[in-house]
PDB file of all heavy atoms in Angstrom:
ATOM      1  N   ALA A   1      12.435   6.729  -1.326  1.00  0.00           N
ATOM      2  CA  ALA A   1      11.319   7.157  -0.483  1.00  0.00           C
ATOM      3  C   ALA A   1      10.332   6.001  -0.404  1.00  0.00           C
ATOM      4  O   ALA A   1      10.221   5.214  -1.348  1.00  0.00           O
ATOM      5  CB  ALA A   1      10.638   8.385  -1.070  1.00  0.00           C
ATOM      6  N   PRO A   2       9.608   5.882   0.705  1.00  0.00           N
ATOM      7  CA  PRO A   2       8.625   4.803   0.803  1.00  0.00           C
ATOM      8  C   PRO A   2       7.473   5.018  -0.180  1.00  0.00           C
ATOM      9  O   PRO A   2       7.099   6.152  -0.458  1.00  0.00           O
ATOM     10  CB  PRO A   2       8.134   4.887   2.250  1.00  0.00           C
ATOM     11  CG  PRO A   2       8.569   6.201   2.765  1.00  0.00           C
ATOM     12  CD  PRO A   2       9.685   6.695   1.913  1.00  0.00           C
ATOM     13  N   VAL A   3       6.920   3.921  -0.700  1.00  0.00           N
ATOM     14  CA  VAL A   3       5.739   3.996  -1.554  1.00  0.00           C
ATOM     15  C   VAL A   3       4.553   4.431  -0.703  1.00  0.00           C
ATOM     16  O   VAL A   3       3.785   5.315  -1.084  1.00  0.00           O
ATOM     17  CB  VAL A   3       5.460   2.639  -2.238  1.00  0.00           C
ATOM     18  CG1 VAL A   3       4.142   2.664  -3.004  1.00  0.00           C
ATOM     19  CG2 VAL A   3       6.611   2.266  -3.167  1.00  0.00           C
ATOM     20  N   ILE A   4       4.411   3.813   0.461  1.00  0.00           N
ATOM     21  CA  ILE A   4       3.393   4.210   1.442  1.00  0.00           C
ATOM     22  C   ILE A   4       4.150   4.552   2.721  1.00  0.00           C
ATOM     23  O   ILE A   4       4.800   3.693   3.314  1.00  0.00           O
ATOM     24  CB  ILE A   4       2.366   3.089   1.707  1.00  0.00           C
ATOM     25  CG1 ILE A   4       1.579   2.781   0.435  1.00  0.00           C
ATOM     26  CG2 ILE A   4       1.424   3.485   2.845  1.00  0.00           C
ATOM     27  CD1 ILE A   4       0.591   1.633   0.566  1.00  0.00           C
ATOM     28  N   ASP A   5       4.078   5.805   3.115  1.00  0.00           N
ATOM     29  CA  ASP A   5       4.814   6.250   4.293  1.00  0.00           C
ATOM     30  C   ASP A   5       3.976   5.983   5.537  1.00  0.00           C
ATOM     31  O   ASP A   5       3.139   6.784   5.930  1.00  0.00           O
ATOM     32  CB  ASP A   5       5.155   7.738   4.183  1.00  0.00           C
ATOM     33  CG  ASP A   5       6.218   8.155   5.174  1.00  0.00           C
ATOM     34  OD1 ASP A   5       6.778   7.275   5.857  1.00  0.00           O
ATOM     35  OD2 ASP A   5       6.492   9.358   5.269  1.00  0.00           O
ATOM     36  N   GLY A   6       4.190   4.786   6.112  1.00  0.00           N
ATOM     37  CA  GLY A   6       3.449   4.394   7.291  1.00  0.00           C
ATOM     38  C   GLY A   6       4.285   3.460   8.141  1.00  0.00           C
ATOM     39  O   GLY A   6       5.413   3.120   7.776  1.00  0.00           O
ATOM     40  N   VAL A   7       3.731   3.063   9.255  1.00  0.00           N
ATOM     41  CA  VAL A   7       4.428   2.168  10.176  1.00  0.00           C
ATOM     42  C   VAL A   7       4.023   0.733   9.855  1.00  0.00           C
ATOM     43  O   VAL A   7       2.821   0.404   9.871  1.00  0.00           O
ATOM     44  CB  VAL A   7       4.095   2.508  11.646  1.00  0.00           C
ATOM     45  CG1 VAL A   7       4.782   1.545  12.598  1.00  0.00           C
ATOM     46  CG2 VAL A   7       4.493   3.950  11.960  1.00  0.00           C
ATOM     47  N   GLU A   8       5.006  -0.090   9.531  1.00  0.00           N
ATOM     48  CA  GLU A   8       4.716  -1.484   9.205  1.00  0.00           C
ATOM     49  C   GLU A   8       4.084  -2.179  10.402  1.00  0.00           C
ATOM     50  O   GLU A   8       4.471  -1.955  11.546  1.00  0.00           O
ATOM     51  CB  GLU A   8       5.991  -2.187   8.749  1.00  0.00           C
ATOM     52  CG  GLU A   8       6.479  -1.646   7.409  1.00  0.00           C
ATOM     53  CD  GLU A   8       7.835  -2.181   6.968  1.00  0.00           C
ATOM     54  OE1 GLU A   8       8.451  -2.958   7.724  1.00  0.00           O
ATOM     55  OE2 GLU A   8       8.271  -1.807   5.867  1.00  0.00           O
ATOM     56  N   GLY A   9       3.066  -3.013  10.127  1.00  0.00           N
ATOM     57  CA  GLY A   9       2.354  -3.735  11.180  1.00  0.00           C
ATOM     58  C   GLY A   9       1.152  -2.984  11.708  1.00  0.00           C
ATOM     59  O   GLY A   9       0.469  -3.467  12.615  1.00  0.00           O
ATOM     60  N   THR A  10       0.867  -1.811  11.152  1.00  0.00           N
ATOM     61  CA  THR A  10      -0.291  -1.028  11.602  1.00  0.00           C
ATOM     62  C   THR A  10      -1.312  -0.941  10.463  1.00  0.00           C
ATOM     63  O   THR A  10      -0.985  -1.139   9.301  1.00  0.00           O
ATOM     64  CB  THR A  10       0.120   0.400  12.038  1.00  0.00           C
ATOM     65  OG1 THR A  10       0.640   1.099  10.909  1.00  0.00           O
ATOM     66  CG2 THR A  10       1.152   0.350  13.151  1.00  0.00           C
ATOM     67  N   PRO A  11      -2.585  -0.610  10.804  1.00  0.00           N
ATOM     68  CA  PRO A  11      -3.607  -0.466   9.767  1.00  0.00           C
ATOM     69  C   PRO A  11      -3.219   0.623   8.768  1.00  0.00           C
ATOM     70  O   PRO A  11      -2.648   1.648   9.127  1.00  0.00           O
ATOM     71  CB  PRO A  11      -4.866  -0.065  10.548  1.00  0.00           C
ATOM     72  CG  PRO A  11      -4.622  -0.576  11.928  1.00  0.00           C
ATOM     73  CD  PRO A  11      -3.136  -0.442  12.157  1.00  0.00           C
ATOM     74  N   ALA A  12      -3.537   0.373   7.507  1.00  0.00           N
ATOM     75  CA  ALA A  12      -3.235   1.331   6.445  1.00  0.00           C
ATOM     76  C   ALA A  12      -4.358   1.333   5.423  1.00  0.00           C
ATOM     77  O   ALA A  12      -4.961   0.297   5.144  1.00  0.00           O
ATOM     78  CB  ALA A  12      -1.915   0.971   5.773  1.00  0.00           C
ATOM     79  N   THR A  13      -4.625   2.490   4.883  1.00  0.00           N
ATOM     80  CA  THR A  13      -5.602   2.647   3.819  1.00  0.00           C
ATOM     81  C   THR A  13      -4.842   2.756   2.510  1.00  0.00           C
ATOM     82  O   THR A  13      -3.851   3.486   2.424  1.00  0.00           O
ATOM     83  CB  THR A  13      -6.451   3.916   4.049  1.00  0.00           C
ATOM     84  OG1 THR A  13      -7.088   3.800   5.314  1.00  0.00           O
ATOM     85  CG2 THR A  13      -7.488   4.088   2.968  1.00  0.00           C
ATOM     86  N   LEU A  14      -5.296   2.051   1.497  1.00  0.00           N
ATOM     87  CA  LEU A  14      -4.673   2.100   0.181  1.00  0.00           C
ATOM     88  C   LEU A  14      -4.954   3.464  -0.433  1.00  0.00           C
ATOM     89  O   LEU A  14      -6.102   3.823  -0.648  1.00  0.00           O
ATOM     90  CB  LEU A  14      -5.228   0.984  -0.705  1.00  0.00           C
ATOM     91  CG  LEU A  14      -4.712   0.909  -2.133  1.00  0.00           C
ATOM     92  CD1 LEU A  14      -3.208   0.629  -2.146  1.00  0.00           C
ATOM     93  CD2 LEU A  14      -5.445  -0.166  -2.901  1.00  0.00           C
ATOM     94  N   PRO A  15      -3.906   4.241  -0.684  1.00  0.00           N
ATOM     95  CA  PRO A  15      -4.135   5.555  -1.305  1.00  0.00           C
ATOM     96  C   PRO A  15      -4.816   5.396  -2.665  1.00  0.00           C
ATOM     97  O   PRO A  15      -4.475   4.506  -3.441  1.00  0.00           O
ATOM     98  CB  PRO A  15      -2.722   6.131  -1.474  1.00  0.00           C
ATOM     99  CG  PRO A  15      -1.874   5.367  -0.513  1.00  0.00           C
ATOM    100  CD  PRO A  15      -2.492   4.000  -0.407  1.00  0.00           C
ATOM    101  N   GLU A  16      -5.788   6.241  -2.933  1.00  0.00           N
ATOM    102  CA  GLU A  16      -6.540   6.161  -4.181  1.00  0.00           C
ATOM    103  C   GLU A  16      -5.612   6.262  -5.392  1.00  0.00           C
ATOM    104  O   GLU A  16      -5.826   5.604  -6.409  1.00  0.00           O
ATOM    105  CB  GLU A  16      -7.585   7.279  -4.221  1.00  0.00           C
ATOM    106  CG  GLU A  16      -8.789   6.939  -5.056  1.00  0.00           C
ATOM    107  CD  GLU A  16      -9.880   7.971  -4.898  1.00  0.00           C
ATOM    108  OE1 GLU A  16     -10.436   8.075  -3.795  1.00  0.00           O
ATOM    109  OE2 GLU A  16     -10.159   8.659  -5.901  1.00  0.00           O
ATOM    110  N   SER A  17      -4.567   7.055  -5.254  1.00  0.00           N
ATOM    111  CA  SER A  17      -3.631   7.244  -6.377  1.00  0.00           C
ATOM    112  C   SER A  17      -2.870   5.963  -6.721  1.00  0.00           C
ATOM    113  O   SER A  17      -2.335   5.841  -7.819  1.00  0.00           O
ATOM    114  CB  SER A  17      -2.642   8.365  -6.052  1.00  0.00           C
ATOM    115  OG  SER A  17      -1.870   8.019  -4.910  1.00  0.00           O
ATOM    116  N   LEU A  18      -2.808   5.015  -5.787  1.00  0.00           N
ATOM    117  CA  LEU A  18      -2.079   3.764  -6.019  1.00  0.00           C
ATOM    118  C   LEU A  18      -2.992   2.567  -6.258  1.00  0.00           C
ATOM    119  O   LEU A  18      -2.517   1.476  -6.552  1.00  0.00           O
ATOM    120  CB  LEU A  18      -1.160   3.469  -4.832  1.00  0.00           C
ATOM    121  CG  LEU A  18      -0.059   4.498  -4.551  1.00  0.00           C
ATOM    122  CD1 LEU A  18       0.708   4.130  -3.295  1.00  0.00           C
ATOM    123  CD2 LEU A  18       0.873   4.638  -5.734  1.00  0.00           C
ATOM    124  N   ALA A  19      -4.298   2.758  -6.128  1.00  0.00           N
ATOM    125  CA  ALA A  19      -5.249   1.656  -6.317  1.00  0.00           C
ATOM    126  C   ALA A  19      -5.099   1.083  -7.725  1.00  0.00           C
ATOM    127  O   ALA A  19      -5.083   1.813  -8.705  1.00  0.00           O
ATOM    128  CB  ALA A  19      -6.670   2.139  -6.088  1.00  0.00           C
ATOM    129  N   GLY A  20      -4.945  -0.218  -7.800  1.00  0.00           N
ATOM    130  CA  GLY A  20      -4.818  -0.895  -9.085  1.00  0.00           C
ATOM    131  C   GLY A  20      -3.418  -0.854  -9.685  1.00  0.00           C
ATOM    132  O   GLY A  20      -3.192  -1.399 -10.752  1.00  0.00           O
ATOM    133  N   ASP A  21      -2.477  -0.213  -9.017  1.00  0.00           N
ATOM    134  CA  ASP A  21      -1.098  -0.149  -9.519  1.00  0.00           C
ATOM    135  C   ASP A  21      -0.303  -1.297  -8.899  1.00  0.00           C
ATOM    136  O   ASP A  21       0.295  -1.161  -7.843  1.00  0.00           O
ATOM    137  CB  ASP A  21      -0.461   1.197  -9.174  1.00  0.00           C
ATOM    138  CG  ASP A  21       0.908   1.380  -9.797  1.00  0.00           C
ATOM    139  OD1 ASP A  21       1.474   0.410 -10.351  1.00  0.00           O
ATOM    140  OD2 ASP A  21       1.437   2.512  -9.722  1.00  0.00           O
ATOM    141  N   ALA A  22      -0.308  -2.449  -9.584  1.00  0.00           N
ATOM    142  CA  ALA A  22       0.345  -3.653  -9.056  1.00  0.00           C
ATOM    143  C   ALA A  22       1.859  -3.492  -8.952  1.00  0.00           C
ATOM    144  O   ALA A  22       2.506  -4.229  -8.219  1.00  0.00           O
ATOM    145  CB  ALA A  22      -0.005  -4.855  -9.921  1.00  0.00           C
ATOM    146  N   ARG A  23       2.435  -2.554  -9.669  1.00  0.00           N
ATOM    147  CA  ARG A  23       3.884  -2.319  -9.550  1.00  0.00           C
ATOM    148  C   ARG A  23       4.208  -1.570  -8.259  1.00  0.00           C
ATOM    149  O   ARG A  23       5.293  -1.703  -7.723  1.00  0.00           O
ATOM    150  CB  ARG A  23       4.391  -1.542 -10.754  1.00  0.00           C
ATOM    151  CG  ARG A  23       4.384  -2.364 -12.026  1.00  0.00           C
ATOM    152  CD  ARG A  23       4.833  -1.538 -13.198  1.00  0.00           C
ATOM    153  NE  ARG A  23       5.959  -0.679 -12.839  1.00  0.00           N
ATOM    154  CZ  ARG A  23       7.036  -0.510 -13.584  1.00  0.00           C
ATOM    155  NH1 ARG A  23       7.131  -1.140 -14.734  1.00  0.00           N
ATOM    156  NH2 ARG A  23       8.001   0.288 -13.208  1.00  0.00           N
ATOM    157  N   ALA A  24       3.254  -0.767  -7.776  1.00  0.00           N
ATOM    158  CA  ALA A  24       3.500   0.041  -6.581  1.00  0.00           C
ATOM    159  C   ALA A  24       2.992  -0.627  -5.310  1.00  0.00           C
ATOM    160  O   ALA A  24       3.588  -0.471  -4.249  1.00  0.00           O
ATOM    161  CB  ALA A  24       2.855   1.420  -6.727  1.00  0.00           C
ATOM    162  N   VAL A  25       1.890  -1.357  -5.409  1.00  0.00           N
ATOM    163  CA  VAL A  25       1.282  -1.983  -4.236  1.00  0.00           C
ATOM    164  C   VAL A  25       0.932  -3.429  -4.564  1.00  0.00           C
ATOM    165  O   VAL A  25       0.213  -3.697  -5.529  1.00  0.00           O
ATOM    166  CB  VAL A  25       0.008  -1.230  -3.776  1.00  0.00           C
ATOM    167  CG1 VAL A  25      -0.630  -1.935  -2.591  1.00  0.00           C
ATOM    168  CG2 VAL A  25       0.333   0.212  -3.424  1.00  0.00           C
ATOM    169  N   LYS A  26       1.423  -4.336  -3.750  1.00  0.00           N
ATOM    170  CA  LYS A  26       1.110  -5.758  -3.889  1.00  0.00           C
ATOM    171  C   LYS A  26       0.153  -6.134  -2.765  1.00  0.00           C
ATOM    172  O   LYS A  26       0.489  -6.017  -1.587  1.00  0.00           O
ATOM    173  CB  LYS A  26       2.405  -6.572  -3.789  1.00  0.00           C
ATOM    174  CG  LYS A  26       2.214  -8.052  -3.867  1.00  0.00           C
ATOM    175  CD  LYS A  26       3.566  -8.745  -3.721  1.00  0.00           C
ATOM    176  CE  LYS A  26       3.447 -10.237  -3.690  1.00  0.00           C
ATOM    177  NZ  LYS A  26       4.756 -10.877  -3.506  1.00  0.00           N
ATOM    178  N   LEU A  27      -1.037  -6.552  -3.133  1.00  0.00           N
ATOM    179  CA  LEU A  27      -2.007  -6.985  -2.133  1.00  0.00           C
ATOM    180  C   LEU A  27      -1.732  -8.445  -1.789  1.00  0.00           C
ATOM    181  O   LEU A  27      -1.596  -9.277  -2.685  1.00  0.00           O
ATOM    182  CB  LEU A  27      -3.435  -6.820  -2.670  1.00  0.00           C
ATOM    183  CG  LEU A  27      -3.829  -5.386  -3.052  1.00  0.00           C
ATOM    184  CD1 LEU A  27      -5.238  -5.382  -3.663  1.00  0.00           C
ATOM    185  CD2 LEU A  27      -3.752  -4.452  -1.854  1.00  0.00           C
ATOM    186  N   VAL A  28      -1.635  -8.758  -0.496  1.00  0.00           N
ATOM    187  CA  VAL A  28      -1.362 -10.117  -0.041  1.00  0.00           C
ATOM    188  C   VAL A  28      -2.396 -10.520   1.000  1.00  0.00           C
ATOM    189  O   VAL A  28      -3.098  -9.684   1.552  1.00  0.00           O
ATOM    190  CB  VAL A  28       0.072 -10.238   0.556  1.00  0.00           C
ATOM    191  CG1 VAL A  28       1.123  -9.966  -0.504  1.00  0.00           C
ATOM    192  CG2 VAL A  28       0.271  -9.303   1.738  1.00  0.00           C
ATOM    193  N   GLY A  29      -2.483 -11.800   1.275  1.00  0.00           N
ATOM    194  CA  GLY A  29      -3.431 -12.288   2.282  1.00  0.00           C
ATOM    195  C   GLY A  29      -4.758 -12.642   1.644  1.00  0.00           C
ATOM    196  O   GLY A  29      -4.808 -13.200   0.555  1.00  0.00           O
ATOM    197  N   ASN A  30      -5.840 -12.289   2.302  1.00  0.00           N
ATOM    198  CA  ASN A  30      -7.200 -12.617   1.839  1.00  0.00           C
ATOM    199  C   ASN A  30      -7.697 -11.548   0.867  1.00  0.00           C
ATOM    200  O   ASN A  30      -8.633 -10.802   1.156  1.00  0.00           O
ATOM    201  CB  ASN A  30      -8.152 -12.752   3.033  1.00  0.00           C
ATOM    202  CG  ASN A  30      -7.761 -13.909   3.918  1.00  0.00           C
ATOM    203  OD1 ASN A  30      -7.451 -14.993   3.419  1.00  0.00           O
ATOM    204  ND2 ASN A  30      -7.747 -13.687   5.213  1.00  0.00           N
TER     205      ASN A  30
END
């Protein structure tokens, strides 16, 4: 199942439940 169920290339909000979970969400860019 997707970690974040959204359309790639579109705006997305980081779910609060995943904030700070580097294993689940990798922040890239600026």
